[in-house]
Protein backbone atom coordinates (compact mmCIF):
# COMPACT_ATOMS: atom_id res chain seq x y z
CA UNK A 1 -0.03 0.02 -0.03
CA UNK A 2 2.75 2.48 0.80
CA UNK A 3 4.34 1.75 -2.60
CA UNK A 4 1.09 2.78 -4.31
CA UNK A 5 0.93 6.04 -2.29
CA UNK A 6 4.49 6.91 -3.02
CA UNK A 7 3.96 6.15 -6.75
CA UNK A 8 0.78 8.29 -6.63
CA UNK A 9 2.71 11.18 -5.17
CA UNK A 10 5.52 10.86 -7.72
CA UNK A 11 2.93 10.77 -10.66
CA UNK A 12 1.16 13.94 -9.08
CA UNK A 13 4.57 15.70 -8.82
CA UNK A 14 5.48 14.78 -12.43
CA UNK A 15 2.24 16.21 -13.60
CA UNK A 16 2.96 19.57 -11.93
CA UNK A 17 6.28 19.98 -13.45
CA UNK A 18 6.41 23.24 -15.34
CA UNK A 19 6.93 23.16 -19.05
CA UNK A 20 7.83 26.32 -20.95
CA UNK A 21 4.84 27.75 -22.56
CA UNK A 22 4.71 27.53 -26.37
CA UNK A 23 5.20 30.88 -28.00
CA UNK A 24 3.54 31.07 -31.41
CA UNK A 25 5.55 34.26 -32.21
CA UNK A 26 8.58 32.24 -33.09
CA UNK A 27 9.14 31.91 -36.75
CA UNK A 28 7.27 33.82 -39.47
CA UNK A 29 3.99 35.35 -38.74
CA UNK A 30 0.82 33.86 -40.29
CA UNK A 31 -0.28 35.37 -43.50
CA UNK A 32 -3.68 37.25 -43.50
CA UNK A 33 -6.59 35.09 -44.78
CA UNK A 34 -7.74 37.80 -47.15
CA UNK A 35 -6.29 40.72 -49.30
CA UNK A 36 -7.56 43.62 -46.99
CA UNK A 37 -3.98 44.25 -45.58
CA UNK A 38 -0.78 45.17 -47.27
CA UNK A 39 1.85 44.27 -44.77
CA UNK A 40 4.99 46.20 -45.22
CA UNK A 41 7.51 44.88 -42.65
CA UNK A 42 8.07 44.27 -38.94
CA UNK A 43 7.11 47.32 -36.94
CA UNK A 44 9.39 47.19 -33.92
CA UNK A 45 11.98 44.94 -35.46
CA UNK A 46 12.49 42.97 -38.72
CA UNK A 47 10.99 39.78 -37.13
CA UNK A 48 8.19 41.50 -35.34
CA UNK A 49 4.74 39.82 -35.84
CA UNK A 50 3.20 43.27 -35.76
CA UNK A 51 3.63 44.74 -39.17
CA UNK A 52 3.55 48.23 -40.53
CA UNK A 53 0.51 48.23 -42.96
CA UNK A 54 0.10 50.10 -46.05
CA UNK A 55 -2.75 51.46 -47.82
CA UNK A 56 -5.55 49.33 -49.35
CA UNK A 57 -9.17 50.02 -49.95
CA UNK A 58 -9.89 48.43 -46.46
CA UNK A 59 -7.26 50.42 -44.56
CA UNK A 60 -7.67 53.85 -46.35
CA UNK A 61 -10.17 55.07 -43.71
CA UNK A 62 -7.73 54.36 -40.89
CA UNK A 63 -4.66 56.02 -42.24
CA UNK A 64 -3.53 59.24 -40.54
CA UNK A 65 -0.44 61.23 -41.20
CA UNK A 66 0.26 61.61 -37.38
CA UNK A 67 0.02 57.85 -36.68
CA UNK A 68 1.32 54.51 -37.77
CA UNK A 69 -1.08 51.74 -38.93
CA UNK A 70 0.15 48.42 -37.64
CA UNK A 71 -1.53 44.96 -37.87
CA UNK A 72 -0.84 42.01 -35.63
CA UNK A 73 -2.20 38.46 -35.57
CA UNK A 74 -5.35 38.62 -33.47
CA UNK A 75 -4.89 37.44 -29.95
CA UNK A 76 -1.07 37.16 -30.14
CA UNK A 77 1.43 38.21 -27.52
CA UNK A 78 2.84 40.58 -30.03
CA UNK A 79 -0.51 42.30 -30.20
CA UNK A 80 -0.91 42.50 -26.50
CA UNK A 81 2.57 43.92 -25.99
CA UNK A 82 1.94 46.45 -28.82
CA UNK A 83 -1.01 47.82 -26.63
CA UNK A 84 0.78 47.63 -23.35
CA UNK A 85 4.12 49.11 -24.54
CA UNK A 86 2.98 51.67 -27.20
CA UNK A 87 -0.60 52.46 -26.33
CA UNK A 88 -1.78 51.12 -29.71
CA UNK A 89 -5.60 51.63 -30.31
CA UNK A 90 -7.55 48.97 -32.14
CA UNK A 91 -9.45 50.21 -35.25
CA UNK A 92 -10.39 47.05 -37.08
CA UNK A 93 -10.05 43.25 -37.36
CA UNK A 94 -9.73 41.39 -40.73
CA UNK A 95 -8.20 38.18 -42.08
CA UNK A 96 -7.06 36.90 -38.61
CA UNK A 97 -5.26 40.28 -37.93
CA UNK A 98 -6.18 43.13 -35.63
CA UNK A 99 -5.34 46.59 -37.01
CA UNK A 100 -4.07 49.35 -34.63
CA UNK A 101 -3.12 52.90 -34.82
CA UNK A 102 -0.11 54.21 -32.95
CA UNK A 103 0.45 57.97 -32.54
CA UNK A 104 3.86 59.23 -33.55
CA UNK A 105 5.72 61.26 -31.13
């Protein structure tokens, strides 16, 4: 009986072992599922999943000469950090991406 208790405790401890969370932001960002966005390049760095976004029929209404238009995969950590670090304001969602404006300083 003691062996079963010890075995049960070991199994429980093994199940609690922390595993590093998967970060979907490793590698290339997914492509939008439609043609609404023209992604120009990484916003904060070359490999940033948040991309500077160019003008299309869809984005034309959101462009402003005092702000950058940036699109990130919806729900990604990259999108969350863009809001937290730079005060990005969401203006739209399309093709699996969220579109933000970021005021230039």
